[in-house]
N, C-alpha and C. Protein backbone atom coordinates (compact mmCIF):
# COMPACT_ATOMS: atom_id res chain seq x y z
N MET A 1 5.26 7.42 -47.80
CA MET A 1 6.26 6.53 -47.23
C MET A 1 6.12 5.14 -47.83
N ALA A 2 7.17 4.37 -47.67
CA ALA A 2 7.15 2.99 -48.15
C ALA A 2 6.18 2.18 -47.30
N ASP A 3 6.03 0.94 -47.65
CA ASP A 3 5.13 0.04 -46.94
C ASP A 3 5.49 -0.01 -45.46
N GLU A 4 4.68 0.64 -44.63
CA GLU A 4 5.00 0.73 -43.20
C GLU A 4 4.72 -0.55 -42.45
N THR A 5 4.01 -1.49 -43.05
CA THR A 5 3.66 -2.71 -42.32
C THR A 5 4.90 -3.53 -41.98
N VAL A 6 5.94 -3.43 -42.78
CA VAL A 6 7.15 -4.19 -42.48
C VAL A 6 8.37 -3.27 -42.40
N ASP A 7 8.14 -1.99 -42.13
CA ASP A 7 9.22 -1.02 -42.05
C ASP A 7 9.87 -1.05 -40.67
N ILE A 8 10.44 -2.20 -40.34
CA ILE A 8 11.09 -2.37 -39.04
C ILE A 8 12.25 -3.33 -39.24
N ASP A 9 13.37 -3.01 -38.65
CA ASP A 9 14.55 -3.87 -38.77
C ASP A 9 14.57 -4.81 -37.58
N ILE A 10 14.14 -6.03 -37.82
CA ILE A 10 14.04 -7.01 -36.73
C ILE A 10 15.42 -7.29 -36.13
N GLY A 11 16.46 -7.10 -36.93
CA GLY A 11 17.81 -7.27 -36.42
C GLY A 11 18.19 -6.23 -35.38
N GLU A 12 17.48 -5.09 -35.39
CA GLU A 12 17.70 -4.05 -34.38
C GLU A 12 16.95 -4.39 -33.09
N VAL A 13 15.85 -5.12 -33.21
CA VAL A 13 15.02 -5.48 -32.07
C VAL A 13 15.62 -6.68 -31.34
N VAL A 14 16.05 -7.68 -32.11
CA VAL A 14 16.61 -8.89 -31.53
C VAL A 14 18.12 -8.75 -31.43
N THR A 15 18.62 -8.72 -30.20
CA THR A 15 20.06 -8.64 -29.99
C THR A 15 20.57 -10.04 -29.61
N LYS A 16 21.88 -10.19 -29.61
CA LYS A 16 22.48 -11.49 -29.24
C LYS A 16 22.07 -11.92 -27.84
N ASP A 17 21.83 -10.95 -26.96
CA ASP A 17 21.42 -11.27 -25.59
C ASP A 17 20.04 -11.92 -25.54
N LEU A 18 19.27 -11.77 -26.60
CA LEU A 18 17.91 -12.30 -26.63
C LEU A 18 17.80 -13.56 -27.49
N ILE A 19 18.92 -14.20 -27.73
CA ILE A 19 18.95 -15.42 -28.54
C ILE A 19 19.59 -16.54 -27.73
N ASP A 20 18.97 -17.71 -27.75
CA ASP A 20 19.55 -18.91 -27.14
C ASP A 20 19.52 -20.01 -28.20
N LEU A 21 20.70 -20.41 -28.67
CA LEU A 21 20.79 -21.42 -29.72
C LEU A 21 20.84 -22.84 -29.17
N ASP A 22 20.67 -22.98 -27.87
CA ASP A 22 20.72 -24.32 -27.27
C ASP A 22 19.72 -24.40 -26.12
N ILE A 23 18.44 -24.32 -26.46
CA ILE A 23 17.38 -24.41 -25.47
C ILE A 23 17.45 -25.79 -24.80
N LYS A 24 17.45 -25.80 -23.49
CA LYS A 24 17.56 -27.04 -22.73
C LYS A 24 16.20 -27.65 -22.37
N SER A 25 15.19 -26.81 -22.26
CA SER A 25 13.88 -27.25 -21.78
C SER A 25 13.21 -28.23 -22.74
N ASN A 26 12.32 -29.05 -22.15
CA ASN A 26 11.62 -30.08 -22.93
C ASN A 26 10.12 -29.88 -23.01
N THR A 27 9.60 -28.84 -22.33
CA THR A 27 8.16 -28.58 -22.38
C THR A 27 7.92 -27.13 -22.80
N LYS A 28 6.74 -26.89 -23.30
CA LYS A 28 6.37 -25.54 -23.72
C LYS A 28 6.52 -24.56 -22.56
N GLU A 29 6.01 -24.91 -21.38
CA GLU A 29 6.06 -24.02 -20.23
C GLU A 29 7.50 -23.69 -19.85
N ASP A 30 8.36 -24.72 -19.85
CA ASP A 30 9.75 -24.49 -19.47
C ASP A 30 10.51 -23.68 -20.52
N VAL A 31 10.18 -23.88 -21.79
CA VAL A 31 10.81 -23.10 -22.86
C VAL A 31 10.43 -21.63 -22.71
N ILE A 32 9.16 -21.37 -22.45
CA ILE A 32 8.70 -19.99 -22.27
C ILE A 32 9.41 -19.36 -21.08
N ALA A 33 9.57 -20.11 -20.00
CA ALA A 33 10.29 -19.59 -18.82
C ALA A 33 11.77 -19.35 -19.15
N GLU A 34 12.38 -20.26 -19.89
CA GLU A 34 13.80 -20.12 -20.25
C GLU A 34 14.02 -18.87 -21.10
N LEU A 35 13.14 -18.62 -22.07
CA LEU A 35 13.27 -17.43 -22.91
C LEU A 35 12.91 -16.17 -22.12
N THR A 36 11.97 -16.28 -21.20
CA THR A 36 11.61 -15.13 -20.35
C THR A 36 12.81 -14.70 -19.52
N ASP A 37 13.62 -15.66 -19.08
CA ASP A 37 14.81 -15.32 -18.30
C ASP A 37 15.75 -14.42 -19.11
N LEU A 38 15.84 -14.65 -20.43
CA LEU A 38 16.66 -13.76 -21.28
C LEU A 38 16.08 -12.35 -21.28
N LEU A 39 14.76 -12.26 -21.38
CA LEU A 39 14.08 -10.96 -21.40
C LEU A 39 14.25 -10.22 -20.08
N VAL A 40 14.20 -10.95 -18.97
CA VAL A 40 14.39 -10.35 -17.65
C VAL A 40 15.83 -9.85 -17.52
N ALA A 41 16.79 -10.68 -17.90
CA ALA A 41 18.20 -10.31 -17.81
C ALA A 41 18.52 -9.10 -18.67
N HIS A 42 17.82 -8.97 -19.79
CA HIS A 42 18.04 -7.86 -20.71
C HIS A 42 17.31 -6.59 -20.27
N GLY A 43 16.45 -6.72 -19.26
CA GLY A 43 15.71 -5.56 -18.75
C GLY A 43 14.40 -5.27 -19.48
N ASP A 44 13.96 -6.20 -20.33
CA ASP A 44 12.73 -5.97 -21.10
C ASP A 44 11.47 -6.42 -20.36
N VAL A 45 11.64 -7.37 -19.44
CA VAL A 45 10.51 -7.86 -18.63
C VAL A 45 10.85 -7.59 -17.17
N ILE A 46 9.92 -6.93 -16.46
CA ILE A 46 10.19 -6.54 -15.07
C ILE A 46 9.49 -7.45 -14.06
N ASP A 47 8.57 -8.28 -14.52
CA ASP A 47 7.88 -9.22 -13.63
C ASP A 47 7.87 -10.58 -14.33
N ARG A 48 8.87 -11.41 -14.00
CA ARG A 48 9.06 -12.70 -14.68
C ARG A 48 7.79 -13.55 -14.67
N GLN A 49 7.28 -13.83 -13.46
CA GLN A 49 6.12 -14.73 -13.37
C GLN A 49 4.87 -14.10 -13.99
N GLY A 50 4.71 -12.79 -13.83
CA GLY A 50 3.56 -12.12 -14.43
C GLY A 50 3.56 -12.27 -15.94
N PHE A 51 4.74 -12.12 -16.56
CA PHE A 51 4.84 -12.27 -18.00
C PHE A 51 4.59 -13.71 -18.42
N ILE A 52 5.20 -14.66 -17.72
CA ILE A 52 4.99 -16.08 -18.04
C ILE A 52 3.50 -16.41 -17.96
N ASP A 53 2.84 -15.94 -16.92
CA ASP A 53 1.40 -16.20 -16.76
C ASP A 53 0.61 -15.63 -17.94
N ASP A 54 0.97 -14.42 -18.39
CA ASP A 54 0.27 -13.80 -19.51
C ASP A 54 0.49 -14.57 -20.81
N VAL A 55 1.72 -15.06 -21.02
CA VAL A 55 2.00 -15.84 -22.23
C VAL A 55 1.23 -17.16 -22.19
N LEU A 56 1.23 -17.83 -21.05
CA LEU A 56 0.52 -19.11 -20.94
C LEU A 56 -0.98 -18.91 -21.07
N LEU A 57 -1.50 -17.78 -20.59
CA LEU A 57 -2.92 -17.48 -20.78
C LEU A 57 -3.21 -17.34 -22.28
N ARG A 58 -2.36 -16.62 -22.99
CA ARG A 58 -2.53 -16.46 -24.44
C ARG A 58 -2.47 -17.81 -25.14
N GLU A 59 -1.62 -18.71 -24.65
CA GLU A 59 -1.49 -20.05 -25.24
C GLU A 59 -2.82 -20.81 -25.19
N THR A 60 -3.64 -20.54 -24.17
CA THR A 60 -4.92 -21.24 -24.05
C THR A 60 -5.94 -20.73 -25.07
N GLU A 61 -5.67 -19.59 -25.68
CA GLU A 61 -6.61 -18.97 -26.61
C GLU A 61 -6.44 -19.42 -28.05
N GLY A 62 -5.34 -20.07 -28.38
CA GLY A 62 -5.14 -20.51 -29.75
C GLY A 62 -3.74 -21.04 -29.97
N ILE A 63 -3.61 -21.82 -31.01
CA ILE A 63 -2.34 -22.48 -31.33
C ILE A 63 -1.30 -21.46 -31.79
N THR A 64 -0.09 -21.55 -31.23
CA THR A 64 1.00 -20.67 -31.65
C THR A 64 2.09 -21.43 -32.40
N GLY A 65 1.93 -22.74 -32.51
CA GLY A 65 2.84 -23.53 -33.33
C GLY A 65 2.39 -23.41 -34.78
N LEU A 66 3.23 -22.77 -35.60
CA LEU A 66 2.85 -22.47 -36.98
C LEU A 66 3.04 -23.65 -37.92
N GLY A 67 3.79 -24.64 -37.47
CA GLY A 67 4.17 -25.74 -38.36
C GLY A 67 5.61 -25.56 -38.79
N GLN A 68 6.14 -26.56 -39.47
CA GLN A 68 7.53 -26.55 -39.92
C GLN A 68 8.51 -26.34 -38.77
N GLY A 69 8.10 -26.76 -37.56
CA GLY A 69 9.00 -26.69 -36.41
C GLY A 69 9.14 -25.34 -35.75
N VAL A 70 8.20 -24.41 -36.03
CA VAL A 70 8.31 -23.05 -35.51
C VAL A 70 7.07 -22.69 -34.68
N ALA A 71 7.30 -22.05 -33.52
CA ALA A 71 6.20 -21.54 -32.70
C ALA A 71 6.45 -20.07 -32.38
N ILE A 72 5.35 -19.31 -32.28
CA ILE A 72 5.46 -17.89 -31.95
C ILE A 72 4.58 -17.53 -30.74
N PRO A 73 4.94 -18.04 -29.56
CA PRO A 73 4.18 -17.64 -28.37
C PRO A 73 4.34 -16.14 -28.13
N HIS A 74 3.34 -15.53 -27.53
CA HIS A 74 3.44 -14.10 -27.27
C HIS A 74 2.55 -13.71 -26.09
N GLY A 75 2.96 -12.63 -25.45
CA GLY A 75 2.19 -12.11 -24.34
C GLY A 75 2.16 -10.61 -24.35
N LYS A 76 0.95 -10.07 -24.26
CA LYS A 76 0.75 -8.64 -24.07
C LYS A 76 0.61 -8.46 -22.57
N SER A 77 1.51 -7.68 -21.96
CA SER A 77 1.59 -7.73 -20.51
C SER A 77 2.09 -6.43 -19.90
N LYS A 78 1.56 -6.12 -18.73
CA LYS A 78 2.07 -5.00 -17.94
C LYS A 78 3.48 -5.30 -17.43
N ALA A 79 3.87 -6.58 -17.46
CA ALA A 79 5.19 -6.99 -16.97
C ALA A 79 6.30 -6.64 -17.97
N VAL A 80 5.91 -6.22 -19.18
CA VAL A 80 6.89 -5.92 -20.23
C VAL A 80 7.24 -4.43 -20.20
N LYS A 81 8.54 -4.15 -20.10
CA LYS A 81 9.03 -2.76 -20.11
C LYS A 81 9.30 -2.30 -21.53
N ASN A 82 9.89 -3.18 -22.37
CA ASN A 82 10.21 -2.86 -23.76
C ASN A 82 9.68 -3.97 -24.67
N THR A 83 8.89 -3.61 -25.66
CA THR A 83 8.41 -4.59 -26.62
C THR A 83 9.59 -5.13 -27.42
N THR A 84 9.72 -6.45 -27.43
CA THR A 84 10.83 -7.07 -28.14
C THR A 84 10.53 -8.54 -28.41
N ILE A 85 11.54 -9.24 -28.88
CA ILE A 85 11.43 -10.65 -29.22
C ILE A 85 12.64 -11.39 -28.65
N ALA A 86 12.38 -12.57 -28.09
CA ALA A 86 13.47 -13.49 -27.72
C ALA A 86 13.32 -14.73 -28.60
N ILE A 87 14.44 -15.27 -29.06
CA ILE A 87 14.39 -16.43 -29.95
C ILE A 87 15.20 -17.57 -29.35
N GLY A 88 14.59 -18.74 -29.35
CA GLY A 88 15.28 -19.93 -28.89
C GLY A 88 15.26 -21.00 -29.96
N ILE A 89 16.36 -21.72 -30.08
CA ILE A 89 16.45 -22.84 -31.00
C ILE A 89 16.89 -24.05 -30.18
N SER A 90 16.19 -25.15 -30.38
CA SER A 90 16.46 -26.37 -29.64
C SER A 90 17.07 -27.42 -30.56
N LYS A 91 17.95 -28.22 -30.03
CA LYS A 91 18.53 -29.33 -30.80
C LYS A 91 17.64 -30.57 -30.71
N HIS A 92 16.60 -30.50 -29.89
CA HIS A 92 15.66 -31.62 -29.75
C HIS A 92 14.23 -31.13 -29.97
N ASP A 93 13.36 -32.07 -30.31
CA ASP A 93 11.95 -31.75 -30.52
C ASP A 93 11.28 -31.38 -29.20
N ILE A 94 10.39 -30.39 -29.26
CA ILE A 94 9.62 -29.97 -28.10
C ILE A 94 8.13 -30.13 -28.44
N PRO A 95 7.40 -30.89 -27.64
CA PRO A 95 5.96 -31.03 -27.91
C PRO A 95 5.28 -29.66 -27.82
N TRP A 96 4.45 -29.34 -28.82
CA TRP A 96 3.80 -28.03 -28.87
C TRP A 96 2.57 -28.18 -29.76
N GLU A 97 1.47 -27.57 -29.40
CA GLU A 97 0.31 -27.60 -30.28
C GLU A 97 0.67 -26.81 -31.52
N SER A 98 0.60 -27.46 -32.70
CA SER A 98 0.97 -26.76 -33.93
C SER A 98 0.00 -27.12 -35.05
N LEU A 99 -0.01 -26.28 -36.06
CA LEU A 99 -0.94 -26.46 -37.18
C LEU A 99 -0.69 -27.75 -37.94
N ASP A 100 0.55 -28.25 -37.91
CA ASP A 100 0.84 -29.51 -38.61
C ASP A 100 0.99 -30.69 -37.64
N ASP A 101 0.62 -30.46 -36.37
CA ASP A 101 0.69 -31.50 -35.33
C ASP A 101 2.09 -32.08 -35.15
N GLU A 102 3.11 -31.30 -35.49
CA GLU A 102 4.49 -31.74 -35.32
C GLU A 102 5.13 -30.95 -34.18
N PRO A 103 6.16 -31.51 -33.54
CA PRO A 103 6.87 -30.77 -32.49
C PRO A 103 7.64 -29.60 -33.09
N ILE A 104 8.16 -28.75 -32.22
CA ILE A 104 8.87 -27.56 -32.70
C ILE A 104 10.31 -27.56 -32.21
N ARG A 105 11.13 -26.74 -32.88
CA ARG A 105 12.53 -26.55 -32.48
C ARG A 105 12.92 -25.08 -32.46
N VAL A 106 12.11 -24.23 -33.07
CA VAL A 106 12.40 -22.79 -33.10
C VAL A 106 11.25 -22.07 -32.41
N ILE A 107 11.59 -21.24 -31.43
CA ILE A 107 10.58 -20.51 -30.66
C ILE A 107 10.90 -19.03 -30.76
N ILE A 108 9.93 -18.27 -31.23
CA ILE A 108 10.06 -16.82 -31.33
C ILE A 108 9.06 -16.22 -30.34
N LEU A 109 9.56 -15.80 -29.18
CA LEU A 109 8.70 -15.31 -28.11
C LEU A 109 8.58 -13.78 -28.17
N PHE A 110 7.37 -13.32 -28.38
CA PHE A 110 7.09 -11.88 -28.42
C PHE A 110 6.73 -11.40 -27.02
N ALA A 111 7.41 -10.35 -26.57
CA ALA A 111 7.08 -9.69 -25.31
C ALA A 111 6.56 -8.31 -25.68
N VAL A 112 5.30 -8.05 -25.35
CA VAL A 112 4.64 -6.83 -25.83
C VAL A 112 4.10 -6.01 -24.66
N ARG A 113 4.52 -4.74 -24.61
CA ARG A 113 3.95 -3.82 -23.62
C ARG A 113 2.50 -3.57 -23.95
N ASP A 114 1.67 -3.43 -22.94
CA ASP A 114 0.25 -3.14 -23.15
C ASP A 114 0.04 -1.99 -24.12
N ILE A 115 0.81 -0.90 -23.95
CA ILE A 115 0.56 0.29 -24.78
C ILE A 115 1.07 0.12 -26.21
N ASP A 116 1.89 -0.90 -26.47
CA ASP A 116 2.37 -1.15 -27.83
C ASP A 116 1.50 -2.17 -28.57
N ALA A 117 0.44 -2.60 -27.93
CA ALA A 117 -0.31 -3.73 -28.45
C ALA A 117 -0.81 -3.53 -29.88
N ASN A 118 -1.05 -2.29 -30.28
CA ASN A 118 -1.59 -2.10 -31.62
C ASN A 118 -0.62 -1.39 -32.56
N THR A 119 0.64 -1.25 -32.16
CA THR A 119 1.59 -0.54 -33.01
C THR A 119 2.80 -1.42 -33.30
N LEU A 120 3.81 -1.32 -32.45
CA LEU A 120 5.04 -2.07 -32.67
C LEU A 120 4.78 -3.58 -32.71
N HIS A 121 3.92 -4.06 -31.83
CA HIS A 121 3.58 -5.48 -31.79
C HIS A 121 3.09 -5.95 -33.15
N ILE A 122 2.19 -5.20 -33.75
CA ILE A 122 1.63 -5.58 -35.04
C ILE A 122 2.72 -5.56 -36.12
N LYS A 123 3.57 -4.53 -36.09
CA LYS A 123 4.66 -4.46 -37.08
C LYS A 123 5.62 -5.64 -36.93
N LEU A 124 5.95 -5.98 -35.68
CA LEU A 124 6.84 -7.12 -35.44
C LEU A 124 6.19 -8.42 -35.92
N LEU A 125 4.92 -8.62 -35.58
CA LEU A 125 4.22 -9.83 -36.01
C LEU A 125 4.15 -9.91 -37.53
N GLN A 126 3.87 -8.78 -38.17
CA GLN A 126 3.79 -8.77 -39.63
C GLN A 126 5.13 -9.11 -40.25
N LYS A 127 6.20 -8.52 -39.73
CA LYS A 127 7.53 -8.77 -40.26
C LYS A 127 7.89 -10.25 -40.10
N VAL A 128 7.65 -10.80 -38.92
CA VAL A 128 7.95 -12.21 -38.68
C VAL A 128 7.06 -13.10 -39.56
N ALA A 129 5.80 -12.73 -39.72
CA ALA A 129 4.89 -13.51 -40.56
C ALA A 129 5.38 -13.54 -42.01
N VAL A 130 5.87 -12.41 -42.50
CA VAL A 130 6.40 -12.35 -43.86
C VAL A 130 7.62 -13.28 -43.98
N LEU A 131 8.52 -13.20 -43.00
CA LEU A 131 9.70 -14.05 -43.01
C LEU A 131 9.31 -15.53 -42.96
N LEU A 132 8.36 -15.86 -42.08
CA LEU A 132 7.98 -17.26 -41.89
C LEU A 132 7.15 -17.82 -43.04
N SER A 133 6.70 -16.96 -43.92
CA SER A 133 5.95 -17.44 -45.09
C SER A 133 6.91 -17.89 -46.20
N ASP A 134 8.19 -17.67 -45.99
CA ASP A 134 9.22 -18.02 -46.98
C ASP A 134 9.87 -19.35 -46.58
N ASP A 135 9.65 -20.40 -47.39
CA ASP A 135 10.19 -21.72 -47.08
C ASP A 135 11.70 -21.72 -46.96
N ASP A 136 12.39 -20.93 -47.79
CA ASP A 136 13.85 -20.85 -47.72
C ASP A 136 14.29 -20.28 -46.36
N PHE A 137 13.56 -19.27 -45.89
CA PHE A 137 13.86 -18.67 -44.59
C PHE A 137 13.74 -19.74 -43.50
N ILE A 138 12.63 -20.49 -43.52
CA ILE A 138 12.41 -21.54 -42.49
C ILE A 138 13.52 -22.59 -42.56
N GLU A 139 13.86 -23.01 -43.76
CA GLU A 139 14.90 -24.01 -43.92
C GLU A 139 16.22 -23.49 -43.34
N ASN A 140 16.56 -22.24 -43.67
CA ASN A 140 17.80 -21.65 -43.16
C ASN A 140 17.75 -21.42 -41.65
N LEU A 141 16.57 -21.11 -41.13
CA LEU A 141 16.39 -20.91 -39.70
C LEU A 141 16.78 -22.17 -38.93
N HIS A 142 16.41 -23.31 -39.46
CA HIS A 142 16.72 -24.59 -38.81
C HIS A 142 18.20 -24.96 -38.92
N LYS A 143 18.95 -24.26 -39.77
CA LYS A 143 20.37 -24.57 -39.97
C LYS A 143 21.30 -23.58 -39.27
N VAL A 144 20.75 -22.57 -38.61
CA VAL A 144 21.55 -21.53 -37.96
C VAL A 144 22.49 -22.13 -36.92
N ASN A 145 23.75 -21.71 -36.95
CA ASN A 145 24.74 -22.19 -35.98
C ASN A 145 25.24 -21.11 -35.03
N THR A 146 25.11 -19.83 -35.42
CA THR A 146 25.60 -18.75 -34.57
C THR A 146 24.53 -17.65 -34.44
N LYS A 147 24.69 -16.84 -33.41
CA LYS A 147 23.76 -15.74 -33.20
C LYS A 147 23.87 -14.73 -34.34
N ASP A 148 25.09 -14.50 -34.83
CA ASP A 148 25.27 -13.58 -35.96
C ASP A 148 24.53 -14.08 -37.20
N GLU A 149 24.60 -15.38 -37.46
CA GLU A 149 23.88 -15.96 -38.60
C GLU A 149 22.39 -15.72 -38.47
N LEU A 150 21.87 -15.89 -37.26
CA LEU A 150 20.43 -15.71 -37.03
C LEU A 150 20.04 -14.25 -37.27
N ILE A 151 20.79 -13.32 -36.72
CA ILE A 151 20.47 -11.90 -36.90
C ILE A 151 20.57 -11.53 -38.38
N SER A 152 21.57 -12.02 -39.07
CA SER A 152 21.72 -11.77 -40.49
C SER A 152 20.52 -12.33 -41.27
N LEU A 153 20.09 -13.52 -40.91
CA LEU A 153 18.94 -14.13 -41.57
C LEU A 153 17.67 -13.31 -41.34
N LEU A 154 17.50 -12.80 -40.13
CA LEU A 154 16.32 -11.98 -39.82
C LEU A 154 16.31 -10.68 -40.60
N ARG A 155 17.48 -10.20 -40.99
CA ARG A 155 17.58 -8.93 -41.71
C ARG A 155 17.37 -9.09 -43.21
N LYS A 156 17.38 -10.31 -43.70
CA LYS A 156 17.24 -10.52 -45.14
C LYS A 156 15.85 -10.12 -45.61
N ASP A 157 15.79 -9.68 -46.82
CA ASP A 157 14.53 -9.30 -47.45
C ASP A 157 13.87 -10.58 -47.96
N PRO A 158 12.73 -10.96 -47.39
CA PRO A 158 12.10 -12.21 -47.81
C PRO A 158 11.62 -12.18 -49.25
N GLU A 159 11.50 -11.00 -49.84
CA GLU A 159 11.09 -10.90 -51.24
C GLU A 159 12.26 -11.22 -52.15
N GLY A 160 13.46 -11.26 -51.58
CA GLY A 160 14.64 -11.56 -52.37
C GLY A 160 15.24 -10.36 -53.08
N GLU A 161 14.72 -9.17 -52.79
CA GLU A 161 15.17 -7.98 -53.52
C GLU A 161 16.57 -7.54 -53.14
N ASP A 162 16.93 -7.60 -51.86
CA ASP A 162 18.20 -7.05 -51.43
C ASP A 162 19.17 -8.12 -50.92
N GLU A 163 18.87 -9.36 -51.12
CA GLU A 163 19.76 -10.40 -50.63
C GLU A 163 21.04 -10.38 -51.42
N SER A 164 22.16 -10.55 -50.71
CA SER A 164 23.44 -10.57 -51.42
C SER A 164 24.11 -11.90 -51.22
């Protein structure tokens, strides 16, 4: 088989219902809660506060702000029914511990079922890591205006092989 580490279509995982292009919150905790509400409404998280608590616990274990205005908070939790991702983009800076000590505007929240912790979760993280290692991807991520644009961007091949 082909390289299975990134053999996942992130555009299939992230639906328009799991994207908010106008995050209102001003703190990390409130942003996580705002994105969790999308996951609850979509049926992916069955215990809102339990999931938020698990994500905030993970936040105490290490920095999830990658730099360049992007953070990838995540929670492995019994509160998660379906492993997926919610994405929020803010028009204002949000204070967040990050590798470059800069605030963030793009939040990619991973919701991971306990039993998926070593399978789908890893594939999703790898796929996102590959995308986020591409400066053009990050630049375009900050310019997204519609949910369709974001999903299209997530589906692009970061190696540049299949981009049209």
